[in-house]
Amino acid sequence: MNNLNINYNHLEINLRECGSDWFASQCHGLICARLSVLGPSSLGLCLEQIFEHTDEETPKLKICKENINDLFKMTWSQLDGRQSDFEIFLPDHDDLIKDRTASLSQWCDGFLHGIVTGKNTEKLKELLNKEPINIVIKDIVEMTRASVDDSFDDEENEKFYIEIYEYIRVSIQLIYEELTDFRETIKNDIH
């Protein structure tokens, strides 16, 4: 479920090698939240948060930042294109369901970080507390605890995973749409 031009496993390794304490899926969740709230001007905030505990002299840091920049641009293009081609950046379908579920949970964690950290104006807080956004956020909070149920077989767990994935994928597009006017206001305030 990854049509981005960035290899998930390579980004995961690069993040570890450059000293970031973020997972690749968690980075994408953060990016989606920041884009939903602030639009394309939020790249610097994403990079700052993802590499907060990273030594600037780390050899792989430049490559990591370039990969995050590419992931950011691709995600913004997908969300802003409003063509339903938005995908959540997760391990490939052939990875173990347990690993993909853990990554989906990490993605939700990153998204929540992006929504609640930073400068939250009263207007944004008001929007986040209105339906349908508040319902989606509550669901995403629950999904941070997602795990594979060993009492089900792989086929059933796969079915549940796909349902959750699709729910999140569509919900993030909805949140992005719902916050369009807020992003426009922020953009106009900057210029």
Protein backbone atom coordinates (compact mmCIF):
# COMPACT_ATOMS: atom_id res chain seq x y z
CA MET A 1 0.00 0.00 0.00
CA ASN A 2 2.84 2.32 -0.84
CA ASN A 3 2.96 3.98 -4.23
CA LEU A 4 5.35 6.69 -3.09
CA ASN A 5 8.76 6.85 -4.72
CA ILE A 6 10.42 6.40 -1.34
CA ASN A 7 11.23 2.95 -0.04
CA TYR A 8 9.70 2.48 3.41
CA ASN A 9 12.37 0.10 4.71
CA HIS A 10 15.22 2.29 3.47
CA LEU A 11 13.74 5.35 5.18
CA GLU A 12 13.27 3.34 8.37
CA ILE A 13 16.96 2.32 8.32
CA ASN A 14 18.11 5.85 7.43
CA LEU A 15 16.15 7.33 10.31
CA ARG A 16 17.85 4.92 12.74
CA GLU A 17 21.29 5.59 11.25
CA CYS A 18 20.95 9.35 11.51
CA GLY A 19 19.77 9.13 15.13
CA SER A 20 16.11 10.11 14.77
CA ASP A 21 13.78 8.53 17.28
CA TRP A 22 10.88 8.62 14.79
CA PHE A 23 9.63 5.69 12.71
CA ALA A 24 8.97 6.12 8.97
CA SER A 25 5.22 5.64 9.37
CA GLN A 26 5.17 8.00 12.35
CA CYS A 27 6.90 10.66 10.20
CA HIS A 28 4.19 10.32 7.57
CA GLY A 29 1.45 10.67 10.19
CA LEU A 30 3.11 13.86 11.43
CA ILE A 31 3.40 15.17 7.87
CA CYS A 32 -0.29 14.47 7.17
CA ALA A 33 -1.37 16.32 10.30
CA ARG A 34 0.89 19.31 9.65
CA LEU A 35 -0.25 19.54 6.04
CA SER A 36 -3.88 19.37 7.16
CA VAL A 37 -3.42 22.19 9.66
CA LEU A 38 -0.77 24.43 8.08
CA GLY A 39 -0.38 23.34 4.49
CA PRO A 40 2.93 23.20 2.60
CA SER A 41 4.59 25.83 4.79
CA SER A 42 4.88 23.21 7.56
CA LEU A 43 7.86 21.30 6.12
CA GLY A 44 10.32 23.07 8.42
CA LEU A 45 8.25 22.19 11.48
CA CYS A 46 8.15 18.54 10.43
CA LEU A 47 11.90 18.38 9.87
CA GLU A 48 12.54 20.13 13.18
CA GLN A 49 10.39 17.67 15.10
CA ILE A 50 11.62 14.51 13.35
CA PHE A 51 15.29 15.43 13.75
CA GLU A 52 15.03 17.17 17.11
CA HIS A 53 17.48 14.79 18.85
CA THR A 54 19.77 14.30 15.87
CA ASP A 55 23.36 15.49 15.69
CA GLU A 56 23.74 17.88 12.74
CA GLU A 57 27.08 16.23 11.90
CA THR A 58 25.50 12.80 11.35
CA PRO A 59 26.52 11.57 7.86
CA LYS A 60 23.07 10.22 6.87
CA LEU A 61 21.18 13.31 8.05
CA LYS A 62 21.19 15.02 4.64
CA ILE A 63 19.79 11.90 2.94
CA CYS A 64 17.15 11.51 5.66
CA LYS A 65 16.04 15.11 5.31
CA GLU A 66 15.87 14.75 1.52
CA ASN A 67 13.72 11.62 1.90
CA ILE A 68 11.39 13.37 4.36
CA ASN A 69 11.21 16.34 1.99
CA ASP A 70 10.26 14.00 -0.89
CA LEU A 71 7.69 12.23 1.29
CA PHE A 72 6.27 15.62 2.31
CA LYS A 73 5.96 16.83 -1.31
CA MET A 74 4.36 13.59 -2.48
CA THR A 75 1.90 13.58 0.42
CA TRP A 76 0.94 17.20 -0.14
CA SER A 77 0.40 16.51 -3.84
CA GLN A 78 -1.85 13.55 -2.99
CA LEU A 79 -3.89 15.39 -0.36
CA ASP A 80 -4.16 18.63 -2.28
CA GLY A 81 -4.98 16.82 -5.54
CA ARG A 82 -8.23 15.57 -3.97
CA GLN A 83 -8.26 12.66 -6.40
CA SER A 84 -8.53 9.88 -3.78
CA ASP A 85 -5.01 8.68 -4.57
CA PHE A 86 -3.79 9.51 -1.07
CA GLU A 87 -2.04 6.57 0.57
CA ILE A 88 -0.67 6.05 4.05
CA PHE A 89 3.09 5.42 4.03
CA LEU A 90 3.44 1.95 5.54
CA PRO A 91 5.43 -1.23 4.93
CA ASP A 92 4.62 -3.15 1.76
CA HIS A 93 1.79 -5.64 1.61
CA ASP A 94 4.19 -8.58 1.69
CA ASP A 95 5.50 -7.63 5.17
CA LEU A 96 4.06 -9.47 8.15
CA ILE A 97 0.59 -8.32 9.26
CA LYS A 98 1.99 -7.83 12.77
CA ASP A 99 4.64 -5.41 11.47
CA ARG A 100 2.19 -3.52 9.25
CA THR A 101 -0.27 -3.20 12.15
CA ALA A 102 2.47 -1.85 14.43
CA SER A 103 3.41 0.66 11.73
CA LEU A 104 -0.21 1.71 11.34
CA SER A 105 -0.34 2.33 15.08
CA GLN A 106 2.87 4.39 14.84
CA TRP A 107 1.36 6.34 11.94
CA CYS A 108 -1.62 7.25 14.16
CA ASP A 109 0.76 8.34 16.92
CA GLY A 110 2.61 10.63 14.49
CA PHE A 111 -0.64 12.10 13.24
CA LEU A 112 -1.78 12.91 16.78
CA HIS A 113 1.60 14.56 17.51
CA GLY A 114 1.12 16.76 14.46
CA ILE A 115 -2.40 17.76 15.42
CA VAL A 116 -1.75 18.60 19.07
CA THR A 117 1.80 20.01 19.07
CA GLY A 118 2.69 23.46 17.89
CA LYS A 119 0.70 26.61 18.05
CA ASN A 120 -2.98 25.73 18.36
CA THR A 121 -5.14 28.78 17.99
CA GLU A 122 -8.58 28.92 19.53
CA LYS A 123 -10.09 28.63 16.05
CA LEU A 124 -8.13 25.42 15.39
CA LYS A 125 -9.13 23.96 18.76
CA GLU A 126 -12.74 24.77 17.96
CA LEU A 127 -12.50 23.03 14.57
CA LEU A 128 -10.80 19.96 16.05
CA ASN A 129 -13.60 19.63 18.58
CA LYS A 130 -16.37 19.67 15.94
CA GLU A 131 -17.79 16.68 14.13
CA PRO A 132 -16.60 14.90 12.08
CA ILE A 133 -12.99 15.78 12.98
CA ASN A 134 -13.39 15.07 16.70
CA ILE A 135 -14.80 11.60 15.96
CA VAL A 136 -11.90 10.75 13.67
CA ILE A 137 -9.36 11.99 16.23
CA LYS A 138 -10.95 9.82 18.94
CA ASP A 139 -10.81 6.83 16.59
CA ILE A 140 -7.16 7.53 15.77
CA VAL A 141 -6.37 7.68 19.49
CA GLU A 142 -7.87 4.19 19.80
CA MET A 143 -5.90 2.99 16.78
CA THR A 144 -2.59 3.88 18.44
CA ARG A 145 -3.23 0.72 20.46
CA ALA A 146 -3.92 -1.45 17.42
CA SER A 147 -2.42 -4.94 17.45
CA VAL A 148 -2.94 -8.26 15.74
CA ASP A 149 -5.38 -10.58 17.48
CA ASP A 150 -3.78 -14.03 17.59
CA SER A 151 -7.19 -15.65 18.04
CA PHE A 152 -7.94 -14.78 14.38
CA ASP A 153 -6.17 -16.28 11.39
CA ASP A 154 -4.01 -14.17 9.08
CA GLU A 155 -6.80 -13.76 6.55
CA GLU A 156 -9.17 -12.30 9.16
CA ASN A 157 -6.45 -10.03 10.58
CA GLU A 158 -5.66 -8.89 7.04
CA LYS A 159 -9.32 -8.03 6.50
CA PHE A 160 -9.42 -5.98 9.72
CA TYR A 161 -6.16 -4.24 8.77
CA ILE A 162 -7.52 -3.24 5.34
CA GLU A 163 -10.74 -1.91 6.90
CA ILE A 164 -8.78 0.21 9.41
CA TYR A 165 -6.35 1.36 6.73
CA GLU A 166 -9.19 2.48 4.46
CA TYR A 167 -11.00 4.21 7.31
CA ILE A 168 -7.88 6.19 8.20
CA ARG A 169 -7.04 6.94 4.57
CA VAL A 170 -10.49 8.39 3.84
CA SER A 171 -10.69 10.14 7.22
CA ILE A 172 -7.42 11.99 6.68
CA GLN A 173 -8.68 13.24 3.34
CA LEU A 174 -11.84 14.38 5.12
CA ILE A 175 -9.85 16.22 7.79
CA TYR A 176 -7.72 17.85 5.11
CA GLU A 177 -10.88 19.06 3.36
CA GLU A 178 -12.53 20.20 6.59
CA LEU A 179 -9.50 22.36 7.47
CA THR A 180 -9.20 24.02 4.03
CA ASP A 181 -10.62 27.37 5.19
CA PHE A 182 -8.40 27.32 8.28
CA ARG A 183 -5.28 26.73 6.14
CA GLU A 184 -6.32 29.56 3.82
CA THR A 185 -6.69 31.90 6.80
CA ILE A 186 -3.24 30.92 8.07
CA LYS A 187 -1.74 31.41 4.60
CA ASN A 188 -3.33 34.85 4.29
CA ASP A 189 -2.10 35.83 7.75
CA ILE A 190 1.49 34.93 6.75
CA HIS A 191 1.38 36.96 3.51
